[in-house]
Amino acid sequence: MSIESLAAAFSALADPIRLQVLASLGGGRRCVCELKDEVDVAPNLLSYHLRVLREAGLVTAHRRGRWVDYELASVALEALRGAVPGEDV
């Protein structure tokens, strides 16, 4: 990842709701309908936060008929871990 991409990813992480979404996705792929039940925000705000995470490369979206499933982008998360100075995190 480039420095700019890393900065965008860290910026996306700087929101409690987006961190909550990532924590929910830590358990595996989730449908938006499941995320709505786990993250206490209005549906339009959840869509916004998912878009920010997608654009930062932290999650990927997979269309399944009329549903969209999201999952963590492990490559991006590993790059973020590697970008933090110091010992292994």
N, C-alpha and C. Protein backbone atom coordinates (compact mmCIF):
# COMPACT_ATOMS: atom_id res chain seq x y z
N MET A 1 0.84 -1.18 0.00
CA MET A 1 0.00 0.00 0.00
C MET A 1 0.89 1.24 0.00
N SER A 2 0.44 2.25 -0.69
CA SER A 2 1.18 3.51 -0.71
C SER A 2 0.93 4.26 0.60
N ILE A 3 1.75 5.25 0.85
CA ILE A 3 1.60 6.08 2.05
C ILE A 3 0.22 6.74 2.06
N GLU A 4 -0.23 7.20 0.89
CA GLU A 4 -1.54 7.85 0.79
C GLU A 4 -2.66 6.87 1.12
N SER A 5 -2.54 5.64 0.63
CA SER A 5 -3.55 4.61 0.91
C SER A 5 -3.57 4.26 2.39
N LEU A 6 -2.38 4.16 2.98
CA LEU A 6 -2.30 3.88 4.42
C LEU A 6 -2.94 5.01 5.23
N ALA A 7 -2.67 6.24 4.84
CA ALA A 7 -3.25 7.38 5.56
C ALA A 7 -4.77 7.37 5.44
N ALA A 8 -5.30 7.05 4.26
CA ALA A 8 -6.75 6.98 4.07
C ALA A 8 -7.35 5.86 4.92
N ALA A 9 -6.65 4.74 5.01
CA ALA A 9 -7.14 3.62 5.81
C ALA A 9 -7.15 3.98 7.29
N PHE A 10 -6.07 4.59 7.78
CA PHE A 10 -6.03 5.00 9.19
C PHE A 10 -7.10 6.05 9.48
N SER A 11 -7.33 6.94 8.53
CA SER A 11 -8.37 7.95 8.69
C SER A 11 -9.75 7.29 8.79
N ALA A 12 -9.98 6.27 7.98
CA ALA A 12 -11.26 5.55 8.03
C ALA A 12 -11.46 4.86 9.37
N LEU A 13 -10.36 4.47 10.00
CA LEU A 13 -10.44 3.79 11.30
C LEU A 13 -10.74 4.75 12.45
N ALA A 14 -10.64 6.04 12.20
CA ALA A 14 -10.77 7.04 13.25
C ALA A 14 -12.23 7.38 13.57
N ASP A 15 -13.10 6.40 13.49
CA ASP A 15 -14.51 6.62 13.78
C ASP A 15 -15.03 5.42 14.57
N PRO A 16 -15.69 5.64 15.70
CA PRO A 16 -16.16 4.52 16.52
C PRO A 16 -17.14 3.59 15.80
N ILE A 17 -17.99 4.15 14.96
CA ILE A 17 -18.96 3.31 14.24
C ILE A 17 -18.24 2.40 13.25
N ARG A 18 -17.26 2.94 12.55
CA ARG A 18 -16.52 2.11 11.59
C ARG A 18 -15.72 1.03 12.31
N LEU A 19 -15.18 1.36 13.48
CA LEU A 19 -14.49 0.34 14.27
C LEU A 19 -15.46 -0.75 14.72
N GLN A 20 -16.67 -0.36 15.04
CA GLN A 20 -17.69 -1.33 15.43
C GLN A 20 -18.05 -2.24 14.25
N VAL A 21 -18.15 -1.66 13.06
CA VAL A 21 -18.42 -2.46 11.85
C VAL A 21 -17.29 -3.46 11.64
N LEU A 22 -16.05 -3.01 11.76
CA LEU A 22 -14.91 -3.91 11.58
C LEU A 22 -14.92 -5.02 12.62
N ALA A 23 -15.27 -4.69 13.85
CA ALA A 23 -15.35 -5.71 14.90
C ALA A 23 -16.42 -6.74 14.55
N SER A 24 -17.54 -6.30 14.04
CA SER A 24 -18.60 -7.23 13.63
C SER A 24 -18.13 -8.13 12.51
N LEU A 25 -17.37 -7.56 11.58
CA LEU A 25 -16.88 -8.35 10.45
C LEU A 25 -15.73 -9.26 10.84
N GLY A 26 -15.16 -9.04 12.02
CA GLY A 26 -14.11 -9.92 12.50
C GLY A 26 -14.58 -11.35 12.67
N GLY A 27 -15.87 -11.53 12.83
CA GLY A 27 -16.45 -12.86 12.95
C GLY A 27 -16.72 -13.53 11.62
N GLY A 28 -16.40 -12.85 10.53
CA GLY A 28 -16.62 -13.43 9.20
C GLY A 28 -17.56 -12.56 8.37
N ARG A 29 -17.82 -13.03 7.18
CA ARG A 29 -18.65 -12.30 6.21
C ARG A 29 -20.05 -12.08 6.78
N ARG A 30 -20.55 -10.85 6.60
CA ARG A 30 -21.88 -10.50 7.10
C ARG A 30 -22.68 -9.79 6.01
N CYS A 31 -23.95 -10.08 6.00
CA CYS A 31 -24.90 -9.37 5.14
C CYS A 31 -25.19 -8.01 5.78
N VAL A 32 -25.54 -7.04 4.96
CA VAL A 32 -25.90 -5.73 5.49
C VAL A 32 -27.04 -5.87 6.49
N CYS A 33 -27.98 -6.76 6.22
CA CYS A 33 -29.11 -6.93 7.14
C CYS A 33 -28.62 -7.38 8.52
N GLU A 34 -27.58 -8.18 8.59
CA GLU A 34 -27.01 -8.59 9.88
C GLU A 34 -26.28 -7.44 10.55
N LEU A 35 -25.54 -6.67 9.74
CA LEU A 35 -24.82 -5.53 10.30
C LEU A 35 -25.78 -4.50 10.88
N LYS A 36 -26.94 -4.33 10.24
CA LYS A 36 -27.94 -3.38 10.75
C LYS A 36 -28.35 -3.74 12.17
N ASP A 37 -28.43 -5.04 12.46
CA ASP A 37 -28.82 -5.49 13.79
C ASP A 37 -27.69 -5.35 14.80
N GLU A 38 -26.45 -5.36 14.33
CA GLU A 38 -25.29 -5.34 15.23
C GLU A 38 -24.74 -3.93 15.48
N VAL A 39 -24.98 -3.01 14.55
CA VAL A 39 -24.44 -1.65 14.65
C VAL A 39 -25.62 -0.70 14.78
N ASP A 40 -25.66 0.03 15.85
CA ASP A 40 -26.81 0.88 16.17
C ASP A 40 -26.71 2.24 15.48
N VAL A 41 -26.97 2.25 14.16
CA VAL A 41 -27.04 3.50 13.40
C VAL A 41 -28.17 3.35 12.37
N ALA A 42 -28.61 4.47 11.86
CA ALA A 42 -29.63 4.45 10.81
C ALA A 42 -29.07 3.76 9.57
N PRO A 43 -29.93 3.10 8.79
CA PRO A 43 -29.45 2.38 7.60
C PRO A 43 -28.66 3.24 6.63
N ASN A 44 -29.07 4.50 6.44
CA ASN A 44 -28.33 5.36 5.51
C ASN A 44 -26.93 5.67 6.04
N LEU A 45 -26.80 5.81 7.37
CA LEU A 45 -25.47 6.05 7.95
C LEU A 45 -24.60 4.80 7.89
N LEU A 46 -25.21 3.64 8.06
CA LEU A 46 -24.45 2.39 7.93
C LEU A 46 -23.91 2.27 6.51
N SER A 47 -24.73 2.59 5.53
CA SER A 47 -24.27 2.55 4.13
C SER A 47 -23.11 3.51 3.91
N TYR A 48 -23.20 4.69 4.49
CA TYR A 48 -22.11 5.67 4.37
C TYR A 48 -20.82 5.12 4.96
N HIS A 49 -20.89 4.58 6.16
CA HIS A 49 -19.69 4.06 6.83
C HIS A 49 -19.11 2.86 6.07
N LEU A 50 -19.97 2.01 5.53
CA LEU A 50 -19.48 0.89 4.72
C LEU A 50 -18.79 1.39 3.46
N ARG A 51 -19.31 2.45 2.87
CA ARG A 51 -18.68 3.02 1.68
C ARG A 51 -17.30 3.57 2.02
N VAL A 52 -17.17 4.26 3.14
CA VAL A 52 -15.88 4.79 3.56
C VAL A 52 -14.88 3.65 3.76
N LEU A 53 -15.31 2.58 4.41
CA LEU A 53 -14.44 1.43 4.63
C LEU A 53 -14.06 0.74 3.32
N ARG A 54 -15.02 0.65 2.39
CA ARG A 54 -14.73 0.07 1.07
C ARG A 54 -13.72 0.91 0.31
N GLU A 55 -13.94 2.22 0.28
CA GLU A 55 -13.04 3.12 -0.45
C GLU A 55 -11.64 3.12 0.15
N ALA A 56 -11.54 2.87 1.44
CA ALA A 56 -10.24 2.80 2.11
C ALA A 56 -9.60 1.43 1.91
N GLY A 57 -10.34 0.50 1.32
CA GLY A 57 -9.80 -0.83 1.05
C GLY A 57 -9.81 -1.76 2.25
N LEU A 58 -10.56 -1.41 3.28
CA LEU A 58 -10.57 -2.21 4.51
C LEU A 58 -11.61 -3.33 4.48
N VAL A 59 -12.64 -3.18 3.67
CA VAL A 59 -13.65 -4.23 3.52
C VAL A 59 -13.92 -4.44 2.04
N THR A 60 -14.42 -5.61 1.72
CA THR A 60 -14.84 -5.91 0.36
C THR A 60 -16.32 -6.24 0.37
N ALA A 61 -16.98 -5.97 -0.74
CA ALA A 61 -18.41 -6.21 -0.86
C ALA A 61 -18.64 -7.28 -1.93
N HIS A 62 -19.60 -8.14 -1.66
CA HIS A 62 -19.95 -9.22 -2.59
C HIS A 62 -21.47 -9.23 -2.75
N ARG A 63 -21.92 -9.05 -3.99
CA ARG A 63 -23.35 -9.05 -4.24
C ARG A 63 -23.85 -10.49 -4.29
N ARG A 64 -24.97 -10.72 -3.60
CA ARG A 64 -25.62 -12.03 -3.57
C ARG A 64 -27.09 -11.78 -3.83
N GLY A 65 -27.46 -11.80 -5.11
CA GLY A 65 -28.83 -11.44 -5.47
C GLY A 65 -29.07 -9.98 -5.15
N ARG A 66 -30.09 -9.73 -4.34
CA ARG A 66 -30.35 -8.33 -3.95
C ARG A 66 -29.64 -7.93 -2.67
N TRP A 67 -28.91 -8.86 -2.06
CA TRP A 67 -28.19 -8.61 -0.82
C TRP A 67 -26.72 -8.32 -1.11
N VAL A 68 -26.09 -7.61 -0.20
CA VAL A 68 -24.66 -7.36 -0.29
C VAL A 68 -24.01 -7.85 0.99
N ASP A 69 -23.01 -8.71 0.82
CA ASP A 69 -22.24 -9.22 1.96
C ASP A 69 -20.93 -8.46 2.03
N TYR A 70 -20.46 -8.21 3.25
CA TYR A 70 -19.20 -7.52 3.46
C TYR A 70 -18.27 -8.42 4.26
N GLU A 71 -16.96 -8.28 4.00
CA GLU A 71 -15.97 -8.98 4.80
C GLU A 71 -14.71 -8.14 4.88
N LEU A 72 -13.89 -8.45 5.87
CA LEU A 72 -12.63 -7.73 6.05
C LEU A 72 -11.70 -8.01 4.89
N ALA A 73 -10.97 -7.00 4.47
CA ALA A 73 -9.95 -7.16 3.44
C ALA A 73 -8.64 -7.44 4.18
N SER A 74 -8.32 -8.72 4.33
CA SER A 74 -7.19 -9.11 5.18
C SER A 74 -5.86 -8.53 4.69
N VAL A 75 -5.69 -8.39 3.39
CA VAL A 75 -4.44 -7.84 2.85
C VAL A 75 -4.25 -6.39 3.34
N ALA A 76 -5.31 -5.60 3.30
CA ALA A 76 -5.21 -4.21 3.75
C ALA A 76 -4.94 -4.14 5.25
N LEU A 77 -5.59 -5.00 6.00
CA LEU A 77 -5.38 -4.98 7.45
C LEU A 77 -3.96 -5.40 7.81
N GLU A 78 -3.40 -6.34 7.08
CA GLU A 78 -2.01 -6.74 7.31
C GLU A 78 -1.07 -5.58 6.97
N ALA A 79 -1.37 -4.84 5.91
CA ALA A 79 -0.55 -3.69 5.54
C ALA A 79 -0.59 -2.63 6.64
N LEU A 80 -1.76 -2.44 7.25
CA LEU A 80 -1.87 -1.47 8.35
C LEU A 80 -1.04 -1.93 9.55
N ARG A 81 -1.12 -3.21 9.85
CA ARG A 81 -0.31 -3.73 10.97
C ARG A 81 1.17 -3.51 10.70
N GLY A 82 1.58 -3.75 9.48
CA GLY A 82 2.98 -3.58 9.11
C GLY A 82 3.43 -2.14 9.10
N ALA A 83 2.49 -1.21 8.96
CA ALA A 83 2.83 0.22 8.90
C ALA A 83 3.04 0.83 10.27
N VAL A 84 2.58 0.12 11.31
CA VAL A 84 2.75 0.64 12.67
C VAL A 84 4.19 0.35 13.10
N PRO A 85 4.93 1.40 13.45
CA PRO A 85 6.32 1.20 13.85
C PRO A 85 6.42 0.42 15.15
N GLY A 86 7.52 -0.27 15.31
CA GLY A 86 7.77 -1.01 16.54
C GLY A 86 7.66 -2.49 16.33
N GLU A 87 7.50 -3.17 17.42
CA GLU A 87 7.43 -4.63 17.38
C GLU A 87 6.09 -5.08 16.80
N ASP A 88 6.01 -6.36 16.53
CA ASP A 88 4.78 -6.90 15.97
C ASP A 88 3.60 -6.57 16.87
N VAL A 89 2.50 -6.18 16.23
CA VAL A 89 1.29 -5.79 16.95
C VAL A 89 0.36 -6.96 17.00
